[in-house]
């Protein structure tokens, strides 16, 4: 799909535009990570350090760290899935 997207982006010098379709589940996941992670990061950092400045920093960093952990878990699960022998071939 990358080649097609690149062709669409560089189609012609006219004023063309590209429409991206994003699944609603991805938007809901992003928003929940941002709102819940940011709020929790603010509350935990501000109460732990007794500083509103560190709470603001925590609200910025928490969603980024949550997304990093989720990507890491996805990579680990894909690696385990590929490395396990295929038991379905036995049955």
C-alpha atoms as a PDB file:
ATOM      1  CA  UNK A   1       0.000   0.000   0.000  1.00  0.00           C
ATOM      2  CA  UNK A   2       2.974   2.304   0.503  1.00  0.00           C
ATOM      3  CA  UNK A   3       3.724   2.478  -3.210  1.00  0.00           C
ATOM      4  CA  UNK A   4       0.132   3.420  -4.012  1.00  0.00           C
ATOM      5  CA  UNK A   5       0.106   6.083  -1.292  1.00  0.00           C
ATOM      6  CA  UNK A   6       3.314   7.549  -2.642  1.00  0.00           C
ATOM      7  CA  UNK A   7       1.841   7.639  -6.138  1.00  0.00           C
ATOM      8  CA  UNK A   8      -1.229   9.405  -4.800  1.00  0.00           C
ATOM      9  CA  UNK A   9       0.877  11.964  -2.968  1.00  0.00           C
ATOM     10  CA  UNK A  10       2.999  12.721  -6.024  1.00  0.00           C
ATOM     11  CA  UNK A  11       0.296  12.207  -8.656  1.00  0.00           C
ATOM     12  CA  UNK A  12       0.415  15.491 -10.497  1.00  0.00           C
ATOM     13  CA  UNK A  13       1.320  19.133 -10.028  1.00  0.00           C
ATOM     14  CA  UNK A  14      -2.383  20.041  -9.892  1.00  0.00           C
ATOM     15  CA  UNK A  15      -4.044  20.645  -6.569  1.00  0.00           C
ATOM     16  CA  UNK A  16      -4.927  17.032  -5.814  1.00  0.00           C
ATOM     17  CA  UNK A  17      -5.757  15.805  -2.356  1.00  0.00           C
ATOM     18  CA  UNK A  18      -5.624  12.460  -0.588  1.00  0.00           C
ATOM     19  CA  UNK A  19      -8.367  11.072   1.629  1.00  0.00           C
ATOM     20  CA  UNK A  20      -7.299   8.771   4.438  1.00  0.00           C
ATOM     21  CA  UNK A  21      -9.857   6.488   6.059  1.00  0.00           C
ATOM     22  CA  UNK A  22      -9.154   5.756   9.708  1.00  0.00           C
ATOM     23  CA  UNK A  23     -11.085   3.173  11.682  1.00  0.00           C
ATOM     24  CA  UNK A  24     -13.142   4.540  14.551  1.00  0.00           C
ATOM     25  CA  UNK A  25     -11.579   2.010  16.930  1.00  0.00           C
ATOM     26  CA  UNK A  26      -8.141   3.563  16.298  1.00  0.00           C
ATOM     27  CA  UNK A  27      -9.477   7.024  17.082  1.00  0.00           C
ATOM     28  CA  UNK A  28     -11.168   5.808  20.272  1.00  0.00           C
ATOM     29  CA  UNK A  29      -7.967   4.035  21.329  1.00  0.00           C
ATOM     30  CA  UNK A  30      -5.883   7.159  20.725  1.00  0.00           C
ATOM     31  CA  UNK A  31      -8.317   9.416  22.595  1.00  0.00           C
ATOM     32  CA  UNK A  32      -8.584   7.063  25.552  1.00  0.00           C
ATOM     33  CA  UNK A  33      -4.799   6.812  25.841  1.00  0.00           C
ATOM     34  CA  UNK A  34      -4.489  10.598  25.647  1.00  0.00           C
ATOM     35  CA  UNK A  35      -7.238  11.486  28.128  1.00  0.00           C
ATOM     36  CA  UNK A  36      -6.884   8.668  30.642  1.00  0.00           C
ATOM     37  CA  UNK A  37      -3.089   8.490  30.442  1.00  0.00           C
ATOM     38  CA  UNK A  38      -2.690  12.262  30.627  1.00  0.00           C
ATOM     39  CA  UNK A  39      -5.030  12.587  33.589  1.00  0.00           C
ATOM     40  CA  UNK A  40      -3.399   9.733  35.479  1.00  0.00           C
ATOM     41  CA  UNK A  41       0.062  11.087  34.710  1.00  0.00           C
ATOM     42  CA  UNK A  42      -0.917  14.512  36.023  1.00  0.00           C
ATOM     43  CA  UNK A  43      -2.477  13.161  39.229  1.00  0.00           C
ATOM     44  CA  UNK A  44       0.351  10.746  40.013  1.00  0.00           C
ATOM     45  CA  UNK A  45       3.175  13.183  39.256  1.00  0.00           C
ATOM     46  CA  UNK A  46       1.578  16.180  40.974  1.00  0.00           C
ATOM     47  CA  UNK A  47       0.707  14.278  44.153  1.00  0.00           C
ATOM     48  CA  UNK A  48       4.011  12.406  44.307  1.00  0.00           C
ATOM     49  CA  UNK A  49       6.200  15.486  43.827  1.00  0.00           C
ATOM     50  CA  UNK A  50       3.806  18.151  45.223  1.00  0.00           C
ATOM     51  CA  UNK A  51       4.344  20.250  42.127  1.00  0.00           C
ATOM     52  CA  UNK A  52       1.932  21.305  39.439  1.00  0.00           C
ATOM     53  CA  UNK A  53       4.780  21.769  36.962  1.00  0.00           C
ATOM     54  CA  UNK A  54       5.848  18.139  37.338  1.00  0.00           C
ATOM     55  CA  UNK A  55       2.188  17.145  37.063  1.00  0.00           C
ATOM     56  CA  UNK A  56       2.018  18.883  33.697  1.00  0.00           C
ATOM     57  CA  UNK A  57       5.184  17.124  32.574  1.00  0.00           C
ATOM     58  CA  UNK A  58       3.690  13.830  33.746  1.00  0.00           C
ATOM     59  CA  UNK A  59       0.512  14.464  31.779  1.00  0.00           C
ATOM     60  CA  UNK A  60       2.610  14.971  28.649  1.00  0.00           C
ATOM     61  CA  UNK A  61       4.900  11.973  29.149  1.00  0.00           C
ATOM     62  CA  UNK A  62       2.356   9.390  30.354  1.00  0.00           C
ATOM     63  CA  UNK A  63       0.521   8.896  27.009  1.00  0.00           C
ATOM     64  CA  UNK A  64       3.835   8.684  25.157  1.00  0.00           C
ATOM     65  CA  UNK A  65       5.088   6.005  27.541  1.00  0.00           C
ATOM     66  CA  UNK A  66       1.803   4.097  27.359  1.00  0.00           C
ATOM     67  CA  UNK A  67       2.015   3.974  23.556  1.00  0.00           C
ATOM     68  CA  UNK A  68       5.651   2.834  23.782  1.00  0.00           C
ATOM     69  CA  UNK A  69       4.710  -0.018  26.106  1.00  0.00           C
ATOM     70  CA  UNK A  70       1.797  -1.049  23.883  1.00  0.00           C
ATOM     71  CA  UNK A  71       4.074  -1.153  20.801  1.00  0.00           C
ATOM     72  CA  UNK A  72       6.647  -3.136  22.757  1.00  0.00           C
ATOM     73  CA  UNK A  73       4.003  -5.666  23.860  1.00  0.00           C
ATOM     74  CA  UNK A  74       2.785  -6.001  20.272  1.00  0.00           C
ATOM     75  CA  UNK A  75       6.306  -6.711  19.002  1.00  0.00           C
ATOM     76  CA  UNK A  76       6.925  -9.264  21.761  1.00  0.00           C
ATOM     77  CA  UNK A  77       3.654 -11.078  21.064  1.00  0.00           C
ATOM     78  CA  UNK A  78       4.424 -11.202  17.317  1.00  0.00           C
ATOM     79  CA  UNK A  79       7.887 -12.593  18.066  1.00  0.00           C
ATOM     80  CA  UNK A  80       6.481 -15.277  20.368  1.00  0.00           C
ATOM     81  CA  UNK A  81       3.810 -16.161  17.822  1.00  0.00           C
ATOM     82  CA  UNK A  82       6.424 -16.613  15.081  1.00  0.00           C
ATOM     83  CA  UNK A  83       8.852 -18.549  17.264  1.00  0.00           C
ATOM     84  CA  UNK A  84       6.371 -21.093  18.636  1.00  0.00           C
ATOM     85  CA  UNK A  85       6.007 -24.309  16.635  1.00  0.00           C
ATOM     86  CA  UNK A  86       2.822 -24.697  14.652  1.00  0.00           C
ATOM     87  CA  UNK A  87       0.711 -27.195  16.616  1.00  0.00           C
ATOM     88  CA  UNK A  88      -2.144 -26.950  14.129  1.00  0.00           C
ATOM     89  CA  UNK A  89      -0.119 -29.009  11.664  1.00  0.00           C
ATOM     90  CA  UNK A  90      -0.202 -31.956  14.068  1.00  0.00           C
ATOM     91  CA  UNK A  91      -3.984 -32.180  14.153  1.00  0.00           C
END
